[in-house]
mmCIF file of all heavy atoms, coordinates in Angstrom:
data_MODEL
# 
_entry.id   MODEL 
# 
loop_
_atom_site.group_PDB 
_atom_site.id 
_atom_site.type_symbol 
_atom_site.label_atom_id 
_atom_site.label_alt_id 
_atom_site.label_comp_id 
_atom_site.label_asym_id 
_atom_site.label_entity_id 
_atom_site.label_seq_id 
_atom_site.pdbx_PDB_ins_code 
_atom_site.Cartn_x 
_atom_site.Cartn_y 
_atom_site.Cartn_z 
_atom_site.occupancy 
_atom_site.B_iso_or_equiv 
_atom_site.pdbx_formal_charge 
_atom_site.auth_seq_id 
_atom_site.auth_comp_id 
_atom_site.auth_asym_id 
_atom_site.auth_atom_id 
_atom_site.pdbx_PDB_model_num 
ATOM 1   N N   . THR A 1 1  ? 162.527 41.899 -123.877 1.00 0.00 ? 1  THR A N   1 
ATOM 2   C CA  . THR A 1 1  ? 161.656 43.048 -124.143 1.00 0.00 ? 1  THR A CA  1 
ATOM 3   C C   . THR A 1 1  ? 160.377 42.929 -123.313 1.00 0.00 ? 1  THR A C   1 
ATOM 4   O O   . THR A 1 1  ? 160.052 41.862 -122.797 1.00 0.00 ? 1  THR A O   1 
ATOM 5   C CB  . THR A 1 1  ? 161.293 43.116 -125.642 1.00 0.00 ? 1  THR A CB  1 
ATOM 6   O OG1 . THR A 1 1  ? 160.547 41.933 -125.964 1.00 0.00 ? 1  THR A OG1 1 
ATOM 7   C CG2 . THR A 1 1  ? 162.525 43.214 -126.512 1.00 0.00 ? 1  THR A CG2 1 
ATOM 8   N N   . ASP A 1 2  ? 159.646 44.028 -123.213 1.00 0.00 ? 2  ASP A N   1 
ATOM 9   C CA  . ASP A 1 2  ? 158.393 44.019 -122.468 1.00 0.00 ? 2  ASP A CA  1 
ATOM 10  C C   . ASP A 1 2  ? 157.369 43.064 -123.078 1.00 0.00 ? 2  ASP A C   1 
ATOM 11  O O   . ASP A 1 2  ? 156.657 42.357 -122.376 1.00 0.00 ? 2  ASP A O   1 
ATOM 12  C CB  . ASP A 1 2  ? 157.786 45.422 -122.385 1.00 0.00 ? 2  ASP A CB  1 
ATOM 13  C CG  . ASP A 1 2  ? 158.502 46.295 -121.370 1.00 0.00 ? 2  ASP A CG  1 
ATOM 14  O OD1 . ASP A 1 2  ? 159.187 45.736 -120.488 1.00 0.00 ? 2  ASP A OD1 1 
ATOM 15  O OD2 . ASP A 1 2  ? 158.372 47.530 -121.456 1.00 0.00 ? 2  ASP A OD2 1 
ATOM 16  N N   . SER A 1 3  ? 157.308 43.029 -124.401 1.00 0.00 ? 3  SER A N   1 
ATOM 17  C CA  . SER A 1 3  ? 156.318 42.146 -125.042 1.00 0.00 ? 3  SER A CA  1 
ATOM 18  C C   . SER A 1 3  ? 156.667 40.674 -124.800 1.00 0.00 ? 3  SER A C   1 
ATOM 19  O O   . SER A 1 3  ? 155.776 39.860 -124.543 1.00 0.00 ? 3  SER A O   1 
ATOM 20  C CB  . SER A 1 3  ? 156.227 42.440 -126.539 1.00 0.00 ? 3  SER A CB  1 
ATOM 21  O OG  . SER A 1 3  ? 157.469 42.201 -127.163 1.00 0.00 ? 3  SER A OG  1 
ATOM 22  N N   . ASN A 1 4  ? 157.966 40.336 -124.846 1.00 0.00 ? 4  ASN A N   1 
ATOM 23  C CA  . ASN A 1 4  ? 158.376 38.961 -124.554 1.00 0.00 ? 4  ASN A CA  1 
ATOM 24  C C   . ASN A 1 4  ? 158.087 38.600 -123.101 1.00 0.00 ? 4  ASN A C   1 
ATOM 25  O O   . ASN A 1 4  ? 157.674 37.490 -122.793 1.00 0.00 ? 4  ASN A O   1 
ATOM 26  C CB  . ASN A 1 4  ? 159.856 38.741 -124.856 1.00 0.00 ? 4  ASN A CB  1 
ATOM 27  C CG  . ASN A 1 4  ? 160.125 38.604 -126.340 1.00 0.00 ? 4  ASN A CG  1 
ATOM 28  O OD1 . ASN A 1 4  ? 159.205 38.409 -127.124 1.00 0.00 ? 4  ASN A OD1 1 
ATOM 29  N ND2 . ASN A 1 4  ? 161.375 38.732 -126.730 1.00 0.00 ? 4  ASN A ND2 1 
ATOM 30  N N   . ARG A 1 5  ? 158.298 39.555 -122.203 1.00 0.00 ? 5  ARG A N   1 
ATOM 31  C CA  . ARG A 1 5  ? 158.030 39.320 -120.773 1.00 0.00 ? 5  ARG A CA  1 
ATOM 32  C C   . ARG A 1 5  ? 156.542 39.104 -120.543 1.00 0.00 ? 5  ARG A C   1 
ATOM 33  O O   . ARG A 1 5  ? 156.137 38.186 -119.828 1.00 0.00 ? 5  ARG A O   1 
ATOM 34  C CB  . ARG A 1 5  ? 158.536 40.481 -119.927 1.00 0.00 ? 5  ARG A CB  1 
ATOM 35  C CG  . ARG A 1 5  ? 158.339 40.248 -118.420 1.00 0.00 ? 5  ARG A CG  1 
ATOM 36  C CD  . ARG A 1 5  ? 158.813 41.420 -117.593 1.00 0.00 ? 5  ARG A CD  1 
ATOM 37  N NE  . ARG A 1 5  ? 158.189 42.680 -117.969 1.00 0.00 ? 5  ARG A NE  1 
ATOM 38  C CZ  . ARG A 1 5  ? 156.970 43.054 -117.581 1.00 0.00 ? 5  ARG A CZ  1 
ATOM 39  N NH1 . ARG A 1 5  ? 156.237 42.280 -116.833 1.00 0.00 ? 5  ARG A NH1 1 
ATOM 40  N NH2 . ARG A 1 5  ? 156.477 44.217 -117.967 1.00 0.00 ? 5  ARG A NH2 1 
ATOM 41  N N   . ARG A 1 6  ? 155.704 39.934 -121.169 1.00 0.00 ? 6  ARG A N   1 
ATOM 42  C CA  . ARG A 1 6  ? 154.254 39.787 -121.008 1.00 0.00 ? 6  ARG A CA  1 
ATOM 43  C C   . ARG A 1 6  ? 153.771 38.442 -121.529 1.00 0.00 ? 6  ARG A C   1 
ATOM 44  O O   . ARG A 1 6  ? 152.966 37.764 -120.884 1.00 0.00 ? 6  ARG A O   1 
ATOM 45  C CB  . ARG A 1 6  ? 153.527 40.930 -121.711 1.00 0.00 ? 6  ARG A CB  1 
ATOM 46  C CG  . ARG A 1 6  ? 153.510 42.213 -120.900 1.00 0.00 ? 6  ARG A CG  1 
ATOM 47  C CD  . ARG A 1 6  ? 152.535 43.219 -121.481 1.00 0.00 ? 6  ARG A CD  1 
ATOM 48  N NE  . ARG A 1 6  ? 152.879 43.643 -122.831 1.00 0.00 ? 6  ARG A NE  1 
ATOM 49  C CZ  . ARG A 1 6  ? 153.698 44.651 -123.133 1.00 0.00 ? 6  ARG A CZ  1 
ATOM 50  N NH1 . ARG A 1 6  ? 154.230 45.365 -122.171 1.00 0.00 ? 6  ARG A NH1 1 
ATOM 51  N NH2 . ARG A 1 6  ? 153.961 44.958 -124.377 1.00 0.00 ? 6  ARG A NH2 1 
ATOM 52  N N   . LEU A 1 7  ? 154.277 38.042 -122.700 1.00 0.00 ? 7  LEU A N   1 
ATOM 53  C CA  . LEU A 1 7  ? 153.891 36.752 -123.269 1.00 0.00 ? 7  LEU A CA  1 
ATOM 54  C C   . LEU A 1 7  ? 154.328 35.617 -122.351 1.00 0.00 ? 7  LEU A C   1 
ATOM 55  O O   . LEU A 1 7  ? 153.555 34.683 -122.088 1.00 0.00 ? 7  LEU A O   1 
ATOM 56  C CB  . LEU A 1 7  ? 154.501 36.573 -124.664 1.00 0.00 ? 7  LEU A CB  1 
ATOM 57  C CG  . LEU A 1 7  ? 154.245 35.224 -125.327 1.00 0.00 ? 7  LEU A CG  1 
ATOM 58  C CD1 . LEU A 1 7  ? 152.752 35.015 -125.568 1.00 0.00 ? 7  LEU A CD1 1 
ATOM 59  C CD2 . LEU A 1 7  ? 155.034 35.099 -126.613 1.00 0.00 ? 7  LEU A CD2 1 
ATOM 60  N N   . LEU A 1 8  ? 155.556 35.683 -121.852 1.00 0.00 ? 8  LEU A N   1 
ATOM 61  C CA  . LEU A 1 8  ? 156.063 34.642 -120.962 1.00 0.00 ? 8  LEU A CA  1 
ATOM 62  C C   . LEU A 1 8  ? 155.221 34.548 -119.699 1.00 0.00 ? 8  LEU A C   1 
ATOM 63  O O   . LEU A 1 8  ? 154.810 33.457 -119.298 1.00 0.00 ? 8  LEU A O   1 
ATOM 64  C CB  . LEU A 1 8  ? 157.526 34.924 -120.597 1.00 0.00 ? 8  LEU A CB  1 
ATOM 65  C CG  . LEU A 1 8  ? 158.147 33.984 -119.565 1.00 0.00 ? 8  LEU A CG  1 
ATOM 66  C CD1 . LEU A 1 8  ? 158.101 32.545 -120.046 1.00 0.00 ? 8  LEU A CD1 1 
ATOM 67  C CD2 . LEU A 1 8  ? 159.573 34.418 -119.258 1.00 0.00 ? 8  LEU A CD2 1 
ATOM 68  N N   . ARG A 1 9  ? 154.927 35.672 -119.062 1.00 0.00 ? 9  ARG A N   1 
ATOM 69  C CA  . ARG A 1 9  ? 154.109 35.661 -117.833 1.00 0.00 ? 9  ARG A CA  1 
ATOM 70  C C   . ARG A 1 9  ? 152.714 35.094 -118.100 1.00 0.00 ? 9  ARG A C   1 
ATOM 71  O O   . ARG A 1 9  ? 152.180 34.330 -117.310 1.00 0.00 ? 9  ARG A O   1 
ATOM 72  C CB  . ARG A 1 9  ? 153.989 37.070 -117.243 1.00 0.00 ? 9  ARG A CB  1 
ATOM 73  C CG  . ARG A 1 9  ? 155.289 37.666 -116.798 1.00 0.00 ? 9  ARG A CG  1 
ATOM 74  C CD  . ARG A 1 9  ? 155.778 37.010 -115.524 1.00 0.00 ? 9  ARG A CD  1 
ATOM 75  N NE  . ARG A 1 9  ? 156.894 37.740 -114.988 1.00 0.00 ? 9  ARG A NE  1 
ATOM 76  C CZ  . ARG A 1 9  ? 158.116 37.248 -114.882 1.00 0.00 ? 9  ARG A CZ  1 
ATOM 77  N NH1 . ARG A 1 9  ? 158.362 36.028 -115.279 1.00 0.00 ? 9  ARG A NH1 1 
ATOM 78  N NH2 . ARG A 1 9  ? 159.084 37.980 -114.381 1.00 0.00 ? 9  ARG A NH2 1 
ATOM 79  N N   . LYS A 1 10 ? 152.141 35.480 -119.241 1.00 0.00 ? 10 LYS A N   1 
ATOM 80  C CA  . LYS A 1 10 ? 150.807 34.979 -119.605 1.00 0.00 ? 10 LYS A CA  1 
ATOM 81  C C   . LYS A 1 10 ? 150.829 33.465 -119.748 1.00 0.00 ? 10 LYS A C   1 
ATOM 82  O O   . LYS A 1 10 ? 149.951 32.755 -119.224 1.00 0.00 ? 10 LYS A O   1 
ATOM 83  C CB  . LYS A 1 10 ? 150.346 35.644 -120.898 1.00 0.00 ? 10 LYS A CB  1 
ATOM 84  C CG  . LYS A 1 10 ? 149.014 35.143 -121.426 1.00 0.00 ? 10 LYS A CG  1 
ATOM 85  C CD  . LYS A 1 10 ? 148.698 35.811 -122.761 1.00 0.00 ? 10 LYS A CD  1 
ATOM 86  C CE  . LYS A 1 10 ? 147.493 35.218 -123.397 1.00 0.00 ? 10 LYS A CE  1 
ATOM 87  N NZ  . LYS A 1 10 ? 147.776 34.044 -124.209 1.00 0.00 ? 10 LYS A NZ  1 
ATOM 88  N N   . LEU A 1 11 ? 151.833 32.953 -120.473 1.00 0.00 ? 11 LEU A N   1 
ATOM 89  C CA  . LEU A 1 11 ? 151.932 31.507 -120.676 1.00 0.00 ? 11 LEU A CA  1 
ATOM 90  C C   . LEU A 1 11 ? 152.244 30.776 -119.374 1.00 0.00 ? 11 LEU A C   1 
ATOM 91  O O   . LEU A 1 11 ? 151.742 29.678 -119.142 1.00 0.00 ? 11 LEU A O   1 
ATOM 92  C CB  . LEU A 1 11 ? 152.985 31.195 -121.737 1.00 0.00 ? 11 LEU A CB  1 
ATOM 93  C CG  . LEU A 1 11 ? 152.590 31.581 -123.169 1.00 0.00 ? 11 LEU A CG  1 
ATOM 94  C CD1 . LEU A 1 11 ? 153.771 31.439 -124.115 1.00 0.00 ? 11 LEU A CD1 1 
ATOM 95  C CD2 . LEU A 1 11 ? 151.407 30.761 -123.639 1.00 0.00 ? 11 LEU A CD2 1 
ATOM 96  N N   . GLN A 1 12 ? 153.058 31.374 -118.508 1.00 0.00 ? 12 GLN A N   1 
ATOM 97  C CA  . GLN A 1 12 ? 153.337 30.751 -117.210 1.00 0.00 ? 12 GLN A CA  1 
ATOM 98  C C   . GLN A 1 12 ? 152.060 30.602 -116.391 1.00 0.00 ? 12 GLN A C   1 
ATOM 99  O O   . GLN A 1 12 ? 151.815 29.549 -115.792 1.00 0.00 ? 12 GLN A O   1 
ATOM 100 C CB  . GLN A 1 12 ? 154.360 31.581 -116.422 1.00 0.00 ? 12 GLN A CB  1 
ATOM 101 C CG  . GLN A 1 12 ? 155.775 31.465 -116.934 1.00 0.00 ? 12 GLN A CG  1 
ATOM 102 C CD  . GLN A 1 12 ? 156.715 32.438 -116.253 1.00 0.00 ? 12 GLN A CD  1 
ATOM 103 O OE1 . GLN A 1 12 ? 156.324 33.518 -115.784 1.00 0.00 ? 12 GLN A OE1 1 
ATOM 104 N NE2 . GLN A 1 12 ? 157.995 32.074 -116.196 1.00 0.00 ? 12 GLN A NE2 1 
ATOM 105 N N   . ARG A 1 13 ? 151.245 31.656 -116.360 1.00 0.00 ? 13 ARG A N   1 
ATOM 106 C CA  . ARG A 1 13 ? 149.981 31.583 -115.617 1.00 0.00 ? 13 ARG A CA  1 
ATOM 107 C C   . ARG A 1 13 ? 149.054 30.530 -116.217 1.00 0.00 ? 13 ARG A C   1 
ATOM 108 O O   . ARG A 1 13 ? 148.417 29.762 -115.499 1.00 0.00 ? 13 ARG A O   1 
ATOM 109 C CB  . ARG A 1 13 ? 149.290 32.955 -115.605 1.00 0.00 ? 13 ARG A CB  1 
ATOM 110 C CG  . ARG A 1 13 ? 149.919 33.947 -114.660 1.00 0.00 ? 13 ARG A CG  1 
ATOM 111 C CD  . ARG A 1 13 ? 149.055 35.185 -114.528 1.00 0.00 ? 13 ARG A CD  1 
ATOM 112 N NE  . ARG A 1 13 ? 148.820 35.871 -115.795 1.00 0.00 ? 13 ARG A NE  1 
ATOM 113 C CZ  . ARG A 1 13 ? 149.609 36.807 -116.312 1.00 0.00 ? 13 ARG A CZ  1 
ATOM 114 N NH1 . ARG A 1 13 ? 150.679 37.211 -115.657 1.00 0.00 ? 13 ARG A NH1 1 
ATOM 115 N NH2 . ARG A 1 13 ? 149.311 37.376 -117.463 1.00 0.00 ? 13 ARG A NH2 1 
ATOM 116 N N   . GLU A 1 14 ? 149.007 30.499 -117.553 1.00 0.00 ? 14 GLU A N   1 
ATOM 117 C CA  . GLU A 1 14 ? 148.121 29.550 -118.222 1.00 0.00 ? 14 GLU A CA  1 
ATOM 118 C C   . GLU A 1 14 ? 148.560 28.112 -117.966 1.00 0.00 ? 14 GLU A C   1 
ATOM 119 O O   . GLU A 1 14 ? 147.725 27.245 -117.694 1.00 0.00 ? 14 GLU A O   1 
ATOM 120 C CB  . GLU A 1 14 ? 148.092 29.848 -119.726 1.00 0.00 ? 14 GLU A CB  1 
ATOM 121 C CG  . GLU A 1 14 ? 146.957 29.171 -120.435 1.00 0.00 ? 14 GLU A CG  1 
ATOM 122 C CD  . GLU A 1 14 ? 146.826 29.624 -121.885 1.00 0.00 ? 14 GLU A CD  1 
ATOM 123 O OE1 . GLU A 1 14 ? 147.303 30.723 -122.230 1.00 0.00 ? 14 GLU A OE1 1 
ATOM 124 O OE2 . GLU A 1 14 ? 146.248 28.855 -122.664 1.00 0.00 ? 14 GLU A OE2 1 
ATOM 125 N N   . VAL A 1 15 ? 149.867 27.850 -118.016 1.00 0.00 ? 15 VAL A N   1 
ATOM 126 C CA  . VAL A 1 15 ? 150.383 26.504 -117.751 1.00 0.00 ? 15 VAL A CA  1 
ATOM 127 C C   . VAL A 1 15 ? 150.045 26.095 -116.322 1.00 0.00 ? 15 VAL A C   1 
ATOM 128 O O   . VAL A 1 15 ? 149.572 24.984 -116.067 1.00 0.00 ? 15 VAL A O   1 
ATOM 129 C CB  . VAL A 1 15 ? 151.915 26.442 -117.995 1.00 0.00 ? 15 VAL A CB  1 
ATOM 130 C CG1 . VAL A 1 15 ? 152.533 25.208 -117.360 1.00 0.00 ? 15 VAL A CG1 1 
ATOM 131 C CG2 . VAL A 1 15 ? 152.218 26.474 -119.477 1.00 0.00 ? 15 VAL A CG2 1 
ATOM 132 N N   . LYS A 1 16 ? 150.280 26.991 -115.395 1.00 0.00 ? 16 LYS A N   1 
ATOM 133 C CA  . LYS A 1 16 ? 150.001 26.682 -113.987 1.00 0.00 ? 16 LYS A CA  1 
ATOM 134 C C   . LYS A 1 16 ? 148.527 26.346 -113.786 1.00 0.00 ? 16 LYS A C   1 
ATOM 135 O O   . LYS A 1 16 ? 148.177 25.373 -113.116 1.00 0.00 ? 16 LYS A O   1 
ATOM 136 C CB  . LYS A 1 16 ? 150.401 27.886 -113.128 1.00 0.00 ? 16 LYS A CB  1 
ATOM 137 C CG  . LYS A 1 16 ? 150.301 27.641 -111.657 1.00 0.00 ? 16 LYS A CG  1 
ATOM 138 C CD  . LYS A 1 16 ? 150.791 28.862 -110.891 1.00 0.00 ? 16 LYS A CD  1 
ATOM 139 C CE  . LYS A 1 16 ? 150.687 28.655 -109.403 1.00 0.00 ? 16 LYS A CE  1 
ATOM 140 N NZ  . LYS A 1 16 ? 151.141 29.819 -108.655 1.00 0.00 ? 16 LYS A NZ  1 
ATOM 141 N N   . THR A 1 17 ? 147.647 27.129 -114.396 1.00 0.00 ? 17 THR A N   1 
ATOM 142 C CA  . THR A 1 17 ? 146.209 26.901 -114.270 1.00 0.00 ? 17 THR A CA  1 
ATOM 143 C C   . THR A 1 17 ? 145.800 25.578 -114.908 1.00 0.00 ? 17 THR A C   1 
ATOM 144 O O   . THR A 1 17 ? 145.045 24.793 -114.332 1.00 0.00 ? 17 THR A O   1 
ATOM 145 C CB  . THR A 1 17 ? 145.427 28.051 -114.925 1.00 0.00 ? 17 THR A CB  1 
ATOM 146 O OG1 . THR A 1 17 ? 145.817 29.275 -114.298 1.00 0.00 ? 17 THR A OG1 1 
ATOM 147 C CG2 . THR A 1 17 ? 143.940 27.870 -114.797 1.00 0.00 ? 17 THR A CG2 1 
ATOM 148 N N   . ARG A 1 18 ? 146.321 25.310 -116.113 1.00 0.00 ? 18 ARG A N   1 
ATOM 149 C CA  . ARG A 1 18 ? 145.941 24.089 -116.829 1.00 0.00 ? 18 ARG A CA  1 
ATOM 150 C C   . ARG A 1 18 ? 146.447 22.837 -116.116 1.00 0.00 ? 18 ARG A C   1 
ATOM 151 O O   . ARG A 1 18 ? 145.744 21.828 -116.059 1.00 0.00 ? 18 ARG A O   1 
ATOM 152 C CB  . ARG A 1 18 ? 146.478 24.130 -118.255 1.00 0.00 ? 18 ARG A CB  1 
ATOM 153 C CG  . ARG A 1 18 ? 145.897 25.239 -119.123 1.00 0.00 ? 18 ARG A CG  1 
ATOM 154 C CD  . ARG A 1 18 ? 144.478 24.978 -119.545 1.00 0.00 ? 18 ARG A CD  1 
ATOM 155 N NE  . ARG A 1 18 ? 144.351 23.871 -120.464 1.00 0.00 ? 18 ARG A NE  1 
ATOM 156 C CZ  . ARG A 1 18 ? 144.618 23.920 -121.763 1.00 0.00 ? 18 ARG A CZ  1 
ATOM 157 N NH1 . ARG A 1 18 ? 145.005 25.035 -122.321 1.00 0.00 ? 18 ARG A NH1 1 
ATOM 158 N NH2 . ARG A 1 18 ? 144.476 22.840 -122.502 1.00 0.00 ? 18 ARG A NH2 1 
ATOM 159 N N   . ILE A 1 19 ? 147.647 22.885 -115.563 1.00 0.00 ? 19 ILE A N   1 
ATOM 160 C CA  . ILE A 1 19 ? 148.163 21.718 -114.837 1.00 0.00 ? 19 ILE A CA  1 
ATOM 161 C C   . ILE A 1 19 ? 147.339 21.497 -113.569 1.00 0.00 ? 19 ILE A C   1 
ATOM 162 O O   . ILE A 1 19 ? 147.003 20.359 -113.229 1.00 0.00 ? 19 ILE A O   1 
ATOM 163 C CB  . ILE A 1 19 ? 149.667 21.879 -114.534 1.00 0.00 ? 19 ILE A CB  1 
ATOM 164 C CG1 . ILE A 1 19 ? 150.461 21.712 -115.846 1.00 0.00 ? 19 ILE A CG1 1 
ATOM 165 C CG2 . ILE A 1 19 ? 150.134 20.861 -113.503 1.00 0.00 ? 19 ILE A CG2 1 
ATOM 166 C CD1 . ILE A 1 19 ? 151.945 21.918 -115.711 1.00 0.00 ? 19 ILE A CD1 1 
ATOM 167 N N   . ALA A 1 20 ? 146.996 22.566 -112.877 1.00 0.00 ? 20 ALA A N   1 
ATOM 168 C CA  . ALA A 1 20 ? 146.161 22.434 -111.677 1.00 0.00 ? 20 ALA A CA  1 
ATOM 169 C C   . ALA A 1 20 ? 144.804 21.860 -112.043 1.00 0.00 ? 20 ALA A C   1 
ATOM 170 O O   . ALA A 1 20 ? 144.268 20.982 -111.336 1.00 0.00 ? 20 ALA A O   1 
ATOM 171 C CB  . ALA A 1 20 ? 146.011 23.781 -110.980 1.00 0.00 ? 20 ALA A CB  1 
ATOM 172 N N   . ASP A 1 21 ? 144.234 22.326 -113.146 1.00 0.00 ? 21 ASP A N   1 
ATOM 173 C CA  . ASP A 1 21 ? 142.942 21.783 -113.596 1.00 0.00 ? 21 ASP A CA  1 
ATOM 174 C C   . ASP A 1 21 ? 143.061 20.292 -113.916 1.00 0.00 ? 21 ASP A C   1 
ATOM 175 O O   . ASP A 1 21 ? 142.181 19.501 -113.572 1.00 0.00 ? 21 ASP A O   1 
ATOM 176 C CB  . ASP A 1 21 ? 142.432 22.543 -114.814 1.00 0.00 ? 21 ASP A CB  1 
ATOM 177 C CG  . ASP A 1 21 ? 141.999 23.964 -114.497 1.00 0.00 ? 21 ASP A CG  1 
ATOM 178 O OD1 . ASP A 1 21 ? 141.819 24.277 -113.291 1.00 0.00 ? 21 ASP A OD1 1 
ATOM 179 O OD2 . ASP A 1 21 ? 141.854 24.769 -115.438 1.00 0.00 ? 21 ASP A OD2 1 
ATOM 180 N N   . SER A 1 22 ? 144.151 19.911 -114.580 1.00 0.00 ? 22 SER A N   1 
ATOM 181 C CA  . SER A 1 22 ? 144.358 18.497 -114.929 1.00 0.00 ? 22 SER A CA  1 
ATOM 182 C C   . SER A 1 22 ? 144.471 17.647 -113.670 1.00 0.00 ? 22 SER A C   1 
ATOM 183 O O   . SER A 1 22 ? 143.900 16.556 -113.593 1.00 0.00 ? 22 SER A O   1 
ATOM 184 C CB  . SER A 1 22 ? 145.627 18.323 -115.769 1.00 0.00 ? 22 SER A CB  1 
ATOM 185 O OG  . SER A 1 22 ? 145.489 18.975 -117.002 1.00 0.00 ? 22 SER A OG  1 
ATOM 186 N N   . ARG A 1 23 ? 145.217 18.146 -112.694 1.00 0.00 ? 23 ARG A N   1 
ATOM 187 C CA  . ARG A 1 23 ? 145.342 17.409 -111.433 1.00 0.00 ? 23 ARG A CA  1 
ATOM 188 C C   . ARG A 1 23 ? 143.994 17.251 -110.753 1.00 0.00 ? 23 ARG A C   1 
ATOM 189 O O   . ARG A 1 23 ? 143.663 16.192 -110.245 1.00 0.00 ? 23 ARG A O   1 
ATOM 190 C CB  . ARG A 1 23 ? 146.281 18.158 -110.486 1.00 0.00 ? 23 ARG A CB  1 
ATOM 191 C CG  . ARG A 1 23 ? 147.721 17.916 -110.746 1.00 0.00 ? 23 ARG A CG  1 
ATOM 192 C CD  . ARG A 1 23 ? 148.568 18.475 -109.611 1.00 0.00 ? 23 ARG A CD  1 
ATOM 193 N NE  . ARG A 1 23 ? 149.958 18.358 -109.955 1.00 0.00 ? 23 ARG A NE  1 
ATOM 194 C CZ  . ARG A 1 23 ? 150.818 19.353 -109.963 1.00 0.00 ? 23 ARG A CZ  1 
ATOM 195 N NH1 . ARG A 1 23 ? 150.434 20.561 -109.597 1.00 0.00 ? 23 ARG A NH1 1 
ATOM 196 N NH2 . ARG A 1 23 ? 152.067 19.165 -110.295 1.00 0.00 ? 23 ARG A NH2 1 
ATOM 197 N N   . ASN A 1 24 ? 143.234 18.341 -110.723 1.00 0.00 ? 24 ASN A N   1 
ATOM 198 C CA  . ASN A 1 24 ? 141.911 18.275 -110.083 1.00 0.00 ? 24 ASN A CA  1 
ATOM 199 C C   . ASN A 1 24 ? 140.986 17.301 -110.803 1.00 0.00 ? 24 ASN A C   1 
ATOM 200 O O   . ASN A 1 24 ? 140.246 16.553 -110.161 1.00 0.00 ? 24 ASN A O   1 
ATOM 201 C CB  . ASN A 1 24 ? 141.288 19.668 -110.012 1.00 0.00 ? 24 ASN A CB  1 
ATOM 202 C CG  . ASN A 1 24 ? 141.971 20.544 -109.006 1.00 0.00 ? 24 ASN A CG  1 
ATOM 203 O OD1 . ASN A 1 24 ? 142.595 20.066 -108.063 1.00 0.00 ? 24 ASN A OD1 1 
ATOM 204 N ND2 . ASN A 1 24 ? 141.877 21.849 -109.199 1.00 0.00 ? 24 ASN A ND2 1 
ATOM 205 N N   . GLU A 1 25 ? 141.004 17.310 -112.131 1.00 0.00 ? 25 GLU A N   1 
ATOM 206 C CA  . GLU A 1 25 ? 140.173 16.386 -112.898 1.00 0.00 ? 25 GLU A CA  1 
ATOM 207 C C   . GLU A 1 25 ? 140.580 14.941 -112.622 1.00 0.00 ? 25 GLU A C   1 
ATOM 208 O O   . GLU A 1 25 ? 139.725 14.079 -112.427 1.00 0.00 ? 25 GLU A O   1 
ATOM 209 C CB  . GLU A 1 25 ? 140.287 16.681 -114.391 1.00 0.00 ? 25 GLU A CB  1 
ATOM 210 C CG  . GLU A 1 25 ? 139.603 17.956 -114.815 1.00 0.00 ? 25 GLU A CG  1 
ATOM 211 C CD  . GLU A 1 25 ? 139.936 18.347 -116.250 1.00 0.00 ? 25 GLU A CD  1 
ATOM 212 O OE1 . GLU A 1 25 ? 140.533 17.528 -116.987 1.00 0.00 ? 25 GLU A OE1 1 
ATOM 213 O OE2 . GLU A 1 25 ? 139.615 19.488 -116.622 1.00 0.00 ? 25 GLU A OE2 1 
ATOM 214 N N   . ARG A 1 26 ? 141.888 14.701 -112.580 1.00 0.00 ? 26 ARG A N   1 
ATOM 215 C CA  . ARG A 1 26 ? 142.368 13.338 -112.299 1.00 0.00 ? 26 ARG A CA  1 
ATOM 216 C C   . ARG A 1 26 ? 141.962 12.924 -110.888 1.00 0.00 ? 26 ARG A C   1 
ATOM 217 O O   . ARG A 1 26 ? 141.538 11.796 -110.667 1.00 0.00 ? 26 ARG A O   1 
ATOM 218 C CB  . ARG A 1 26 ? 143.875 13.264 -112.475 1.00 0.00 ? 26 ARG A CB  1 
ATOM 219 C CG  . ARG A 1 26 ? 144.425 11.882 -112.207 1.00 0.00 ? 26 ARG A CG  1 
ATOM 220 C CD  . ARG A 1 26 ? 145.902 11.814 -112.536 1.00 0.00 ? 26 ARG A CD  1 
ATOM 221 N NE  . ARG A 1 26 ? 146.536 10.650 -112.000 1.00 0.00 ? 26 ARG A NE  1 
ATOM 222 C CZ  . ARG A 1 26 ? 146.589 9.486  -112.590 1.00 0.00 ? 26 ARG A CZ  1 
ATOM 223 N NH1 . ARG A 1 26 ? 146.037 9.327  -113.767 1.00 0.00 ? 26 ARG A NH1 1 
ATOM 224 N NH2 . ARG A 1 26 ? 147.213 8.464  -112.025 1.00 0.00 ? 26 ARG A NH2 1 
ATOM 225 N N   . TRP A 1 27 ? 142.093 13.818 -109.931 1.00 0.00 ? 27 TRP A N   1 
ATOM 226 C CA  . TRP A 1 27 ? 141.726 13.514 -108.558 1.00 0.00 ? 27 TRP A CA  1 
ATOM 227 C C   . TRP A 1 27 ? 140.226 13.234 -108.452 1.00 0.00 ? 27 TRP A C   1 
ATOM 228 O O   . TRP A 1 27 ? 139.815 12.296 -107.781 1.00 0.00 ? 27 TRP A O   1 
ATOM 229 C CB  . TRP A 1 27 ? 142.141 14.660 -107.658 1.00 0.00 ? 27 TRP A CB  1 
ATOM 230 C CG  . TRP A 1 27 ? 141.916 14.421 -106.206 1.00 0.00 ? 27 TRP A CG  1 
ATOM 231 C CD1 . TRP A 1 27 ? 141.106 15.118 -105.389 1.00 0.00 ? 27 TRP A CD1 1 
ATOM 232 C CD2 . TRP A 1 27 ? 142.501 13.399 -105.395 1.00 0.00 ? 27 TRP A CD2 1 
ATOM 233 N NE1 . TRP A 1 27 ? 141.141 14.599 -104.121 1.00 0.00 ? 27 TRP A NE1 1 
ATOM 234 C CE2 . TRP A 1 27 ? 141.996 13.536 -104.102 1.00 0.00 ? 27 TRP A CE2 1 
ATOM 235 C CE3 . TRP A 1 27 ? 143.397 12.367 -105.648 1.00 0.00 ? 27 TRP A CE3 1 
ATOM 236 C CZ2 . TRP A 1 27 ? 142.344 12.699 -103.055 1.00 0.00 ? 27 TRP A CZ2 1 
ATOM 237 C CZ3 . TRP A 1 27 ? 143.764 11.528 -104.592 1.00 0.00 ? 27 TRP A CZ3 1 
ATOM 238 C CH2 . TRP A 1 27 ? 143.235 11.708 -103.330 1.00 0.00 ? 27 TRP A CH2 1 
ATOM 239 N N   . ASP A 1 28 ? 139.418 14.059 -109.132 1.00 0.00 ? 28 ASP A N   1 
ATOM 240 C CA  . ASP A 1 28 ? 137.967 13.835 -109.126 1.00 0.00 ? 28 ASP A CA  1 
ATOM 241 C C   . ASP A 1 28 ? 137.613 12.467 -109.706 1.00 0.00 ? 28 ASP A C   1 
ATOM 242 O O   . ASP A 1 28 ? 136.774 11.748 -109.153 1.00 0.00 ? 28 ASP A O   1 
ATOM 243 C CB  . ASP A 1 28 ? 137.252 14.931 -109.917 1.00 0.00 ? 28 ASP A CB  1 
ATOM 244 C CG  . ASP A 1 28 ? 137.225 16.258 -109.187 1.00 0.00 ? 28 ASP A CG  1 
ATOM 245 O OD1 . ASP A 1 28 ? 137.476 16.273 -107.957 1.00 0.00 ? 28 ASP A OD1 1 
ATOM 246 O OD2 . ASP A 1 28 ? 136.971 17.283 -109.840 1.00 0.00 ? 28 ASP A OD2 1 
# 
């Protein structure tokens, strides 16, 4: 459904951002 797709896309973006932030923090 559209609502499931929107939730999935939102969580995918959030996961990608959080993992990138974690990598950057570890690198720093």
